[in-house]
Every structure is written in structure tokens, then in C-alpha cells.
């Protein structure tokens, strides 16, 4: 099985150049101009197109049991939709229930993911703490290629990790060479504000953003960054949506602290006015956490992306249909949290980023693929076009125009938050490990073709952090005697 891509412009995060690309047995074996086609190779003419590393979405929730229901998108349909949008790998989440062994939950999620048609990996959430969690973290890193652990500071009474859990889990992750990731929202404040608003008779979706204002995110981001700084542990903050959390990351990075930040495509383009829509169903369809923010926050997110404060883009893809959202008809706090986006992330970022001059094509590759591969230690296997890398590619047509709609999407959900948005630029072909899986509007994904990606521990920044910590040890004072006098 081999593919030769001719006449395209190769775009990596660091540079762009003209070259043909030959892929064989799932790997890139040649990148140079004027390659001859081996006998039997499938040939694709990429004239006028860019050839980029396939997208990596580092934050999805396929088939997630949550808030009394299960997300409508399973691992097959979700990864198929990803491929249609140019994303060739997802990193999903194993979320144990409080008291559930991490290993038990991990193997349950692995079974669900067997039907994936794109490559996948898992972050594993730490939702409680005892000796078994400590042990399972070690087993997951050593035997199963998990190098990141998720911590929810929100969802009190369910999966929230309090400061005690954080201070146990973070040093254990550092010891193992794994990166703690964090959903930063103050769960206590959210719980208080939800109850307050309900008492005031605010029961509709408009209560959702009011119970999770930007300062709730900012406080949690500042607190967890300080905790990580005291413990000497790098951290990764997911789905930053507010100026307050961006400011916290900016200040920490200015001090030299290793803090990585992610934002969602949805937060870049949608504002909180959606929650005040007179149509309850449309308003509820946008309920996700953190919620969409007033418009000023979106420009701050774009600036943080172009300025290097935020390193990755994701979707938090977690689909719930209208009948599932209706579970919160009389109480906004019971509306299942989540929106779709895995199919549209690349196109909307290209249109509103590159086409609008906010990002270069190389920065686009960094933000949609390469940076995630580096942070989660699968670079250069993923995230770059070079000899030896996995043949995960997207042939991107800058002139391809479409209108995003639930009517033409592959995502298994009855609403699209980008409905009616016209975008220029999109995938003409998607290639997953050397096989064409999407070609000029036709999805050719194969159920179960995706492979689990083992992510090694100890990316370079983790070893550097350990060395930095070793050189700043705690100090003891030697004293010959206590110097205590007895008083009568």
C-alpha cells in the first residue's frame, strides 16, 4: 500500500517548501522534488494545494457517560468525522468514577475505542486518591503509554479533584514523567452560584454562563498554577476561554514556569449571547463548560495563540442531542455539557486565522498538530512531514469553500454551533497512516482501522524540570544543641 503526492507545497510548523511525498507501509519514506512513482502506487496531484501534517485534537470525549446520559458520538463516528475534517488523531479521556480503579476505567475505554477509524490515545483522569491511584498511575505510564493525567477542578460532588488530590497527584505525575492537565474552574463557586441563580428563579440556559463567570476560571487557573509552581511540576491547562486565565498563564510563563495552554475553536468564534436566545433548544445546544464568553475574550484568545501564550487548539468534542439537552429543561445545571467541533476545527481556524492574517500557515500547523505532538511526546512520529514519520497527512485546498451545516456534517449530533458559517480552505484529501480515508468529499474511513498510540514518558521539558528541582533542594540547618533553656 503506497501513495505518491505530487506537486504540492509541504507546510510544516518551521518551514514551507515544494516537494513530492512518497508513503509506504504507513510511513513517509521520501520527501523531495521530482519523485518517480513506484509500480502500483496511488498518485495524487496536489497542484495548488498545501500538504500538511494531519491534525491532532488533544481534547475529545467520544462515547462519554456524563450527567446521566452518554454522548451521542461513539469512537467510530467521531473519528470518522475527524478524518473528514483533516484530523488524523485524537487524544480522548478516561474518566473513572470516584472510587473506580484507574486501570479498570482505562481498559473499559480501550474496549470502546476499538472501533476507531483514526489513531487515538488517552489522558486518564484522577478523580479521587488512595494508594491504588498511586500504583495505577505507574502501571499506566509504564505498560500502557499514558503520559498525561487529567484533573477536574469543577463538577463538585462528582469528579472534582480538590487541592488535596492535586497535591498528591502532581508530584506522582512528575516522578513518572507524565504531564498533569487541568480543567480550571472553581467548583465550589460554580456550585454556590448555580444554587443562588436557581433560588432567584433563573432556570434556563442563560443561568449557565452566569454561574461560571470568567473570574471563576481565572481564580482556578491562578490557584493551580501556584500549586504547580510550588511543587515544581509542569502543567497543561485545557480549554482556556477567559482573559483571566490567559493573564495567569502569561505571568507564569514570564516567570519561567512551564505552563502550557489550550483553547477551543468554539471559544474563538462564539460569544455568550447564544445563551440568551429566545429558543430554549438553541440556547441549550451551546451549553458547555467553560461557557462562551463576551466578545472581548475571543480577541484575547486569538492574541494568545499568535503570541505563543497558548500552544494548542482542540474542540472538547462532546455531543449531546436535543432530547438529551432537554434533561435540563427546568434546571440549567442539569443540561448535559458539551458541543461538537472535531470535524470543523481545522477549517474554522484556517478561515478565521490564516485567511484573516491572524496566523501564518506554519503557525496553523503548529497549533493544530505539531505542538500537541511535542507536548504529549509523540513528535516526530506525529506532527511533521519528514522521512520516518507516520504518513498522517492532509492535502489542504485553500480555495475550497463550503457552508458548515448539520445537514452536511459527519458528526452524529443534531446541532452544529458553526451552523451557516461559510469557510474558505479545507481538506481535499486526508491520509491516515498511508491510506486515503477522505477524498474530495467522500469519506472512506474503515471501522477499527485506527491504532492506539503509545506515548512515552519524559518529554524533554519533564527531564529539564526534574533537573531544575534537583538543583533547588530543601535546606536543613545543622545545630549542635537545641539551645532551649528551662524556666522555673
Protein backbone atom coordinates (compact mmCIF):
# COMPACT_ATOMS: atom_id res chain seq x y z
CA UNK A 1 0.00 0.00 0.00
CA UNK A 2 1.74 3.16 -1.19
CA UNK A 3 0.81 6.73 -2.09
CA UNK A 4 2.73 9.39 -4.00
CA UNK A 5 1.64 13.00 -3.58
CA UNK A 6 2.92 15.24 -6.35
CA UNK A 7 3.25 18.98 -6.93
CA UNK A 8 2.14 20.20 -3.51
CA UNK A 9 3.68 22.71 -1.12
CA UNK A 10 4.76 20.99 2.08
CA UNK A 11 3.90 23.04 5.16
CA UNK A 12 5.49 22.12 8.48
CA UNK A 13 5.50 24.23 11.62
CA UNK A 14 9.02 25.50 10.93
CA UNK A 15 9.04 25.98 7.15
CA UNK A 16 7.31 25.52 3.81
CA UNK A 17 8.87 24.05 0.66
CA UNK A 18 7.98 22.39 -2.63
CA UNK A 19 8.35 18.61 -2.67
CA UNK A 20 6.67 15.34 -3.54
CA UNK A 21 5.89 12.90 -0.73
CA UNK A 22 6.04 9.13 -1.03
CA UNK A 23 4.37 7.00 1.64
CA UNK A 24 4.68 3.24 2.04
CA UNK A 25 3.51 0.82 4.75
CA UNK A 26 2.08 3.67 6.81
CA UNK A 27 5.25 5.77 6.93
CA UNK A 28 6.75 8.65 4.96
CA UNK A 29 9.75 7.24 3.09
CA UNK A 30 10.71 10.14 0.82
CA UNK A 31 10.19 13.93 0.73
CA UNK A 32 11.88 15.57 -2.26
CA UNK A 33 11.07 17.13 -5.63
CA UNK A 34 10.55 15.03 -8.73
CA UNK A 35 9.97 11.62 -7.16
CA UNK A 36 9.29 8.77 -9.59
CA UNK A 37 6.14 6.77 -8.97
CA UNK A 38 6.83 3.16 -7.94
CA UNK A 39 4.80 0.49 -9.67
CA UNK A 40 1.29 0.30 -8.26
CA UNK A 41 1.49 3.45 -6.15
CA UNK A 42 -1.65 5.55 -5.85
CA UNK A 43 -0.87 9.02 -7.18
CA UNK A 44 -2.48 12.29 -6.06
CA UNK A 45 -1.89 15.60 -7.82
CA UNK A 46 -1.72 18.29 -5.14
CA UNK A 47 -1.18 21.20 -7.53
CA UNK A 48 -2.39 24.44 -5.94
CA UNK A 49 -2.72 22.71 -2.56
CA UNK A 50 -0.74 22.59 0.68
CA UNK A 51 0.32 19.28 2.20
CA UNK A 52 0.33 19.45 5.99
CA UNK A 53 0.65 17.03 8.92
CA UNK A 54 -2.73 15.60 9.86
CA UNK A 55 -4.44 17.44 12.68
CA UNK A 56 -4.19 16.22 16.28
CA UNK A 57 -7.13 17.09 18.51
CA UNK A 58 -5.79 16.72 22.07
CA UNK A 59 -9.19 17.06 23.76
CA UNK A 60 -12.22 14.97 22.79
CA UNK A 61 -14.89 12.98 24.63
CA UNK A 62 -16.31 10.20 22.48
CA UNK A 63 -18.99 7.94 23.97
CA UNK A 64 -18.68 9.72 27.33
CA UNK A 65 -21.07 8.74 30.15
CA UNK A 66 -21.87 12.13 31.68
CA UNK A 67 -24.63 13.83 33.65
CA UNK A 68 -26.99 10.87 33.44
CA UNK A 69 -26.62 10.14 29.72
CA UNK A 70 -23.99 9.08 27.16
CA UNK A 71 -22.55 11.30 24.43
CA UNK A 72 -24.18 10.62 21.06
CA UNK A 73 -20.85 10.30 19.23
CA UNK A 74 -19.02 6.98 19.60
CA UNK A 75 -15.40 6.30 18.72
CA UNK A 76 -16.21 5.18 15.17
CA UNK A 77 -18.47 8.06 14.16
CA UNK A 78 -16.34 10.62 15.99
CA UNK A 79 -13.03 9.60 14.45
CA UNK A 80 -14.68 9.34 11.02
CA UNK A 81 -15.88 12.93 11.38
CA UNK A 82 -12.36 13.92 12.46
CA UNK A 83 -10.86 12.41 9.31
CA UNK A 84 -13.40 14.26 7.15
CA UNK A 85 -12.11 17.49 8.69
CA UNK A 86 -8.40 16.73 8.32
CA UNK A 87 -7.74 15.48 11.85
CA UNK A 88 -5.93 12.13 11.90
CA UNK A 89 -5.51 11.60 15.65
CA UNK A 90 -7.45 12.35 18.83
CA UNK A 91 -6.48 12.19 22.47
CA UNK A 92 -9.60 11.27 24.41
CA UNK A 93 -10.19 10.94 28.16
CA UNK A 94 -10.61 8.02 30.52
CA UNK A 95 -12.70 9.36 33.42
CA UNK A 96 -13.02 6.96 36.36
CA UNK A 97 -15.95 7.37 38.72
CA UNK A 98 -14.94 8.29 42.27
CA UNK A 99 -13.65 5.09 43.83
CA UNK A 100 -13.19 3.29 40.50
CA UNK A 101 -9.72 1.92 39.80
CA UNK A 102 -7.91 3.86 37.11
CA UNK A 103 -6.87 0.65 35.36
CA UNK A 104 -10.43 -0.66 35.34
CA UNK A 105 -11.69 2.53 33.70
CA UNK A 106 -8.78 2.58 31.25
CA UNK A 107 -9.48 -0.90 29.92
CA UNK A 108 -13.19 -0.09 29.63
CA UNK A 109 -12.40 2.94 27.45
CA UNK A 110 -9.89 0.94 25.39
CA UNK A 111 -12.64 -1.57 24.60
CA UNK A 112 -14.97 1.23 23.49
CA UNK A 113 -12.25 2.71 21.27
CA UNK A 114 -11.51 -0.50 19.34
CA UNK A 115 -13.86 0.70 16.59
CA UNK A 116 -11.93 3.93 15.96
CA UNK A 117 -11.02 4.60 12.34
CA UNK A 118 -8.31 7.16 13.21
CA UNK A 119 -5.40 6.85 15.63
CA UNK A 120 -6.16 7.64 19.25
CA UNK A 121 -4.67 7.86 22.71
CA UNK A 122 -5.91 8.68 26.21
CA UNK A 123 -5.40 11.08 29.04
CA UNK A 124 -6.55 9.43 32.30
CA UNK A 125 -8.39 11.50 34.91
CA UNK A 126 -7.55 11.41 38.59
CA UNK A 127 -10.90 11.92 40.30
CA UNK A 128 -10.02 10.61 43.76
CA UNK A 129 -6.97 9.46 45.70
CA UNK A 130 -5.67 6.46 47.59
CA UNK A 131 -2.73 4.07 47.27
CA UNK A 132 -4.35 2.27 44.33
CA UNK A 133 -4.42 5.51 42.32
CA UNK A 134 -0.72 5.98 43.02
CA UNK A 135 0.01 2.44 41.84
CA UNK A 136 -2.25 2.59 38.79
CA UNK A 137 -0.63 5.81 37.59
CA UNK A 138 2.69 3.98 37.49
CA UNK A 139 1.24 1.00 35.62
CA UNK A 140 -0.49 3.21 33.08
CA UNK A 141 2.70 5.13 32.29
CA UNK A 142 4.97 2.10 32.22
CA UNK A 143 2.80 -0.50 30.49
CA UNK A 144 0.14 1.42 28.56
CA UNK A 145 1.80 4.56 27.21
CA UNK A 146 -0.23 7.11 29.17
CA UNK A 147 1.85 10.24 29.78
CA UNK A 148 -0.81 12.70 30.95
CA UNK A 149 -3.33 12.77 33.79
CA UNK A 150 -6.43 14.98 33.85
CA UNK A 151 -7.74 16.86 36.90
CA UNK A 152 -11.17 18.50 37.05
CA UNK A 153 -11.37 21.44 39.45
CA UNK A 154 -15.10 21.64 38.59
CA UNK A 155 -18.12 19.31 38.95
CA UNK A 156 -18.42 19.25 42.73
CA UNK A 157 -19.95 16.08 44.09
CA UNK A 158 -18.94 14.08 41.03
CA UNK A 159 -15.43 14.10 39.52
CA UNK A 160 -13.94 17.25 41.10
CA UNK A 161 -10.36 16.93 42.36
CA UNK A 162 -9.79 19.16 45.38
CA UNK A 163 -6.44 20.69 46.34
CA UNK A 164 -5.60 17.60 48.39
CA UNK A 165 -5.90 15.37 45.34
CA UNK A 166 -3.86 17.81 43.24
CA UNK A 167 -1.01 17.88 45.75
CA UNK A 168 -0.87 14.07 45.75
CA UNK A 169 -1.25 13.55 42.02
CA UNK A 170 1.02 16.28 40.64
CA UNK A 171 4.28 15.06 42.29
CA UNK A 172 3.44 11.46 41.34
CA UNK A 173 2.99 12.52 37.71
CA UNK A 174 6.32 14.37 37.77
CA UNK A 175 8.05 11.32 39.24
CA UNK A 176 6.67 9.22 36.38
CA UNK A 177 7.49 11.76 33.68
CA UNK A 178 3.81 12.42 32.93
CA UNK A 179 2.11 15.79 32.45
CA UNK A 180 -0.80 16.88 34.67
CA UNK A 181 -3.61 18.51 32.70
CA UNK A 182 -6.25 20.63 34.39
CA UNK A 183 -9.83 21.83 33.82
CA UNK A 184 -9.60 25.10 35.74
CA UNK A 185 -12.93 26.27 37.16
CA UNK A 186 -13.60 26.81 40.86
CA UNK A 187 -16.11 24.02 41.55
CA UNK A 188 -17.16 25.39 44.92
CA UNK A 189 -18.04 28.77 43.43
CA UNK A 190 -19.87 27.19 40.50
CA UNK A 191 -21.94 25.07 42.89
CA UNK A 192 -22.77 28.12 45.03
CA UNK A 193 -23.72 30.30 42.04
CA UNK A 194 -25.86 27.59 40.47
CA UNK A 195 -27.90 27.27 43.66
CA UNK A 196 -28.13 31.05 44.03
CA UNK A 197 -29.43 31.54 40.48
CA UNK A 198 -31.95 28.73 40.81
CA UNK A 199 -33.28 30.30 44.00
CA UNK A 200 -33.75 33.53 42.05
CA UNK A 201 -35.84 31.65 39.51
CA UNK A 202 -33.23 31.61 36.73
CA UNK A 203 -33.62 28.08 35.43
CA UNK A 204 -32.92 28.45 31.66
CA UNK A 205 -29.63 28.16 29.75
CA UNK A 206 -28.88 31.82 30.48
CA UNK A 207 -28.05 30.66 34.01
CA UNK A 208 -25.11 28.62 32.73
CA UNK A 209 -22.68 31.48 31.90
CA UNK A 210 -23.85 33.45 34.93
CA UNK A 211 -22.92 30.55 37.21
CA UNK A 212 -19.48 30.23 35.59
CA UNK A 213 -18.24 33.82 35.07
CA UNK A 214 -14.70 34.41 33.78
CA UNK A 215 -13.31 35.07 37.27
CA UNK A 216 -14.32 31.54 38.31
CA UNK A 217 -11.98 30.25 35.62
CA UNK A 218 -9.32 32.82 36.36
CA UNK A 219 -9.24 32.05 40.10
CA UNK A 220 -8.83 28.33 39.48
CA UNK A 221 -6.13 28.89 36.84
CA UNK A 222 -4.17 31.18 39.16
CA UNK A 223 -4.51 28.74 42.07
CA UNK A 224 -3.48 25.62 40.18
CA UNK A 225 -0.56 27.42 38.55
CA UNK A 226 0.66 28.46 42.00
CA UNK A 227 0.23 24.91 43.32
CA UNK A 228 2.19 23.51 40.38
CA UNK A 229 4.87 26.17 40.81
CA UNK A 230 5.34 25.36 44.50
CA UNK A 231 5.56 21.64 43.70
CA UNK A 232 7.84 22.21 40.71
CA UNK A 233 5.55 20.45 38.23
CA UNK A 234 4.78 21.45 34.62
CA UNK A 235 1.04 21.65 33.85
CA UNK A 236 -1.25 21.93 30.84
CA UNK A 237 -4.46 23.96 31.17
CA UNK A 238 -7.24 22.79 28.88
CA UNK A 239 -9.91 24.90 27.12
CA UNK A 240 -8.86 28.36 28.27
CA UNK A 241 -11.71 30.73 27.46
CA UNK A 242 -11.15 33.88 29.50
CA UNK A 243 -8.79 36.83 29.72
CA UNK A 244 -8.24 35.98 33.39
CA UNK A 245 -6.79 32.54 32.70
CA UNK A 246 -4.70 33.86 29.80
CA UNK A 247 -3.25 36.50 32.13
CA UNK A 248 -2.42 33.82 34.72
CA UNK A 249 -0.60 31.73 32.09
CA UNK A 250 1.20 34.78 30.70
CA UNK A 251 2.52 35.78 34.11
CA UNK A 252 3.60 32.23 34.94
CA UNK A 253 5.47 31.82 31.65
CA UNK A 254 7.11 35.22 32.17
CA UNK A 255 8.50 33.82 35.44
CA UNK A 256 9.86 30.79 33.58
CA UNK A 257 7.25 28.36 34.86
CA UNK A 258 6.39 25.52 32.49
CA UNK A 259 2.70 26.09 31.83
CA UNK A 260 1.05 25.05 28.56
CA UNK A 261 -2.33 26.32 27.41
CA UNK A 262 -5.04 25.06 25.05
CA UNK A 263 -8.07 26.79 23.60
CA UNK A 264 -11.09 25.53 21.69
CA UNK A 265 -12.10 26.55 18.20
CA UNK A 266 -15.60 27.24 19.52
CA UNK A 267 -14.41 29.73 22.13
CA UNK A 268 -12.55 31.68 19.45
CA UNK A 269 -15.69 32.40 17.45
CA UNK A 270 -18.87 32.22 19.55
CA UNK A 271 -19.93 34.66 22.27
CA UNK A 272 -22.22 34.32 25.27
CA UNK A 273 -25.23 35.92 23.55
CA UNK A 274 -26.18 32.40 22.38
CA UNK A 275 -27.40 31.57 25.89
CA UNK A 276 -29.98 34.36 25.76
CA UNK A 277 -31.62 33.08 22.58
CA UNK A 278 -35.41 33.02 22.97
CA UNK A 279 -35.42 29.47 21.60
CA UNK A 280 -34.60 27.21 24.57
CA UNK A 281 -33.28 24.40 22.36
CA UNK A 282 -30.78 26.62 20.52
CA UNK A 283 -29.60 28.16 23.78
CA UNK A 284 -29.22 24.75 25.47
CA UNK A 285 -27.34 23.34 22.48
CA UNK A 286 -24.49 25.73 23.31
CA UNK A 287 -24.16 24.71 26.97
CA UNK A 288 -20.57 23.61 27.56
CA UNK A 289 -18.01 24.33 30.25
CA UNK A 290 -16.39 26.75 30.35
CA UNK A 291 -19.21 28.65 28.66
CA UNK A 292 -18.88 31.03 25.75
CA UNK A 293 -17.67 34.46 26.82
CA UNK A 294 -18.31 38.12 25.95
CA UNK A 295 -16.61 39.14 22.72
CA UNK A 296 -13.54 40.77 24.27
CA UNK A 297 -12.32 37.39 25.46
CA UNK A 298 -12.25 36.00 21.92
CA UNK A 299 -9.80 38.58 20.65
CA UNK A 300 -7.62 37.91 23.68
CA UNK A 301 -7.58 34.22 22.78
CA UNK A 302 -6.50 34.96 19.21
CA UNK A 303 -3.71 37.19 20.50
CA UNK A 304 -2.60 34.46 22.92
CA UNK A 305 -2.43 31.96 20.04
CA UNK A 306 -0.44 34.21 17.73
CA UNK A 307 1.77 35.34 20.63
CA UNK A 308 2.67 31.84 21.80
CA UNK A 309 0.92 32.05 25.18
CA UNK A 310 -1.44 29.24 24.12
CA UNK A 311 0.18 26.37 22.25
CA UNK A 312 -2.64 24.09 21.10
CA UNK A 313 -6.18 24.14 19.74
CA UNK A 314 -8.80 21.49 20.46
CA UNK A 315 -12.57 21.02 20.49
CA UNK A 316 -13.63 19.29 23.72
CA UNK A 317 -15.86 17.40 21.25
CA UNK A 318 -18.70 16.01 23.38
CA UNK A 319 -22.03 15.64 21.60
CA UNK A 320 -25.49 15.62 23.12
CA UNK A 321 -28.65 15.78 21.02
CA UNK A 322 -31.72 17.89 21.72
CA UNK A 323 -33.57 15.21 23.70
CA UNK A 324 -30.53 14.79 25.92
CA UNK A 325 -30.14 18.53 26.47
CA UNK A 326 -33.84 18.58 27.44
CA UNK A 327 -32.93 16.73 30.64
CA UNK A 328 -32.23 20.22 31.98
CA UNK A 329 -35.49 21.77 30.76
CA UNK A 330 -36.32 23.09 34.23
CA UNK A 331 -32.79 23.39 35.62
CA UNK A 332 -29.84 24.67 33.61
CA UNK A 333 -27.43 22.82 35.92
CA UNK A 334 -28.79 19.52 34.57
CA UNK A 335 -28.25 20.30 30.88
CA UNK A 336 -25.50 17.90 29.68
CA UNK A 337 -22.39 19.95 28.97
CA UNK A 338 -20.85 19.66 25.52
CA UNK A 339 -20.76 20.72 21.88
CA UNK A 340 -19.33 19.23 18.68
CA UNK A 341 -16.38 20.52 16.70
CA UNK A 342 -13.92 17.77 15.71
CA UNK A 343 -14.94 17.93 12.05
CA UNK A 344 -14.79 21.72 11.74
CA UNK A 345 -11.84 22.78 13.92
CA UNK A 346 -9.27 22.89 11.11
CA UNK A 347 -11.50 24.73 8.63
CA UNK A 348 -12.69 27.45 11.00
CA UNK A 349 -9.16 28.03 12.32
CA UNK A 350 -7.83 28.34 8.79
CA UNK A 351 -10.59 30.68 7.67
CA UNK A 352 -10.62 32.94 10.72
CA UNK A 353 -6.91 32.57 11.46
CA UNK A 354 -4.85 32.29 8.28
CA UNK A 355 -7.30 33.96 5.90
CA UNK A 356 -7.74 36.89 8.29
CA UNK A 357 -4.00 37.37 8.83
CA UNK A 358 -4.04 36.31 12.47
CA UNK A 359 -1.92 33.20 11.79
CA UNK A 360 0.58 32.06 9.19
CA UNK A 361 0.17 28.65 7.56
CA UNK A 362 3.14 27.42 9.59
CA UNK A 363 1.60 28.67 12.83
CA UNK A 364 -1.62 26.91 11.85
CA UNK A 365 0.28 23.61 11.59
CA UNK A 366 1.90 24.20 14.96
CA UNK A 367 -1.42 24.98 16.64
CA UNK A 368 -3.40 22.14 15.07
CA UNK A 369 -0.79 19.38 15.12
CA UNK A 370 2.90 19.86 15.86
CA UNK A 371 2.70 21.49 19.29
CA UNK A 372 0.36 18.81 20.62
CA UNK A 373 2.70 16.12 19.28
CA UNK A 374 5.65 17.75 21.05
CA UNK A 375 3.89 18.39 24.37
CA UNK A 376 2.50 14.85 24.54
CA UNK A 377 5.78 13.32 23.33
CA UNK A 378 4.83 11.74 20.02
CA UNK A 379 6.92 14.07 17.85
CA UNK A 380 8.34 13.42 15.25
CA UNK A 381 6.24 10.27 14.85
CA UNK A 382 3.28 12.65 14.51
CA UNK A 383 3.02 16.36 13.77
CA UNK A 384 5.59 16.74 11.00
CA UNK A 385 6.19 15.73 7.38
CA UNK A 386 9.62 14.11 7.26
CA UNK A 387 11.13 10.76 6.42
CA UNK A 388 10.24 8.18 9.08
CA UNK A 389 7.14 9.93 10.40
CA UNK A 390 3.70 8.35 10.27
CA UNK A 391 2.00 9.06 6.95
CA UNK A 392 -0.76 11.17 8.53
CA UNK A 393 -1.36 13.95 6.04
CA UNK A 394 -3.97 16.41 4.90
CA UNK A 395 -3.91 17.85 1.39
CA UNK A 396 -5.37 21.28 2.01
CA UNK A 397 -7.11 23.25 -0.71
CA UNK A 398 -7.05 26.97 0.23
CA UNK A 399 -9.74 27.66 -2.38
CA UNK A 400 -12.22 25.02 -1.20
CA UNK A 401 -15.36 26.79 0.02
CA UNK A 402 -18.26 25.31 1.96
CA UNK A 403 -21.03 26.33 4.31
CA UNK A 404 -20.93 24.43 7.60
CA UNK A 405 -24.26 22.82 8.41
CA UNK A 406 -25.75 19.96 10.36
CA UNK A 407 -27.18 18.87 7.00
CA UNK A 408 -23.78 18.02 5.52
CA UNK A 409 -21.71 17.10 8.58
CA UNK A 410 -20.46 13.63 9.54
CA UNK A 411 -20.74 14.32 13.29
CA UNK A 412 -23.50 12.32 14.98
CA UNK A 413 -25.38 15.17 16.61
CA UNK A 414 -28.42 17.21 15.64
CA UNK A 415 -26.85 20.66 16.07
CA UNK A 416 -23.74 22.44 14.83
CA UNK A 417 -22.55 25.52 16.72
CA UNK A 418 -20.97 26.84 13.50
CA UNK A 419 -24.23 26.45 11.54
CA UNK A 420 -24.32 28.65 8.44
CA UNK A 421 -20.66 29.73 8.64
CA UNK A 422 -19.01 30.00 5.21
CA UNK A 423 -15.36 28.97 5.27
CA UNK A 424 -12.66 29.05 2.61
CA UNK A 425 -10.00 26.36 2.90
CA UNK A 426 -10.45 22.70 3.71
CA UNK A 427 -9.23 19.16 3.19
CA UNK A 428 -9.29 17.82 -0.36
CA UNK A 429 -7.75 14.55 0.87
CA UNK A 430 -6.96 13.08 4.27
CA UNK A 431 -4.42 10.28 4.56
CA UNK A 432 -4.17 8.18 7.72
CA UNK A 433 -1.03 6.05 8.08
CA UNK A 434 -0.59 6.00 4.34
CA UNK A 435 -4.16 5.20 3.35
CA UNK A 436 -6.51 7.68 1.69
CA UNK A 437 -9.51 7.92 4.04
CA UNK A 438 -11.18 11.06 2.70
CA UNK A 439 -11.10 12.10 -0.94
CA UNK A 440 -12.80 15.15 -2.44
CA UNK A 441 -15.88 14.95 -0.28
CA UNK A 442 -16.10 11.17 0.01
CA UNK A 443 -15.34 9.54 3.35
CA UNK A 444 -13.57 6.18 3.04
CA UNK A 445 -12.93 5.50 6.70
CA UNK A 446 -12.74 1.92 7.88
CA UNK A 447 -14.19 0.83 11.22
CA UNK A 448 -11.45 -0.35 13.56
CA UNK A 449 -8.56 0.82 11.36
CA UNK A 450 -7.33 3.32 13.96
CA UNK A 451 -4.45 2.31 16.20
CA UNK A 452 -3.77 3.10 19.83
CA UNK A 453 -0.78 5.43 20.15
CA UNK A 454 1.63 4.63 22.98
CA UNK A 455 3.01 7.93 24.30
CA UNK A 456 6.38 7.61 26.04
CA UNK A 457 7.01 9.29 29.37
CA UNK A 458 9.56 12.02 29.99
CA UNK A 459 9.30 14.58 27.20
CA UNK A 460 12.38 16.79 27.32
CA UNK A 461 10.70 19.50 29.39
CA UNK A 462 9.88 16.97 32.15
CA UNK A 463 13.52 15.91 32.49
CA UNK A 464 14.58 19.56 32.49
CA UNK A 465 12.07 20.27 35.28
CA UNK A 466 13.35 17.37 37.36
CA UNK A 467 16.91 18.65 36.99
CA UNK A 468 15.80 22.15 37.92
CA UNK A 469 14.07 20.78 41.03
CA UNK A 470 17.16 18.73 41.97
CA UNK A 471 19.29 21.85 41.94
CA UNK A 472 16.91 23.70 44.27
CA UNK A 473 16.64 21.29 47.21
CA UNK A 474 15.03 21.99 50.54
CA UNK A 475 17.55 23.10 53.14
CA UNK A 476 18.17 21.86 56.63
CA UNK A 477 20.18 23.62 59.35
CA UNK A 478 22.62 21.57 61.42
CA UNK A 479 22.56 22.53 65.08
CA UNK A 480 24.81 21.16 67.80
CA UNK A 481 22.24 21.55 70.56
CA UNK A 482 18.69 22.76 70.89
CA UNK A 483 19.57 25.89 72.79
CA UNK A 484 16.41 25.57 74.84
CA UNK A 485 16.58 26.85 78.41
CA UNK A 486 14.44 25.57 81.19
CA UNK A 487 12.37 28.17 83.04
CA UNK A 488 11.14 27.74 86.58
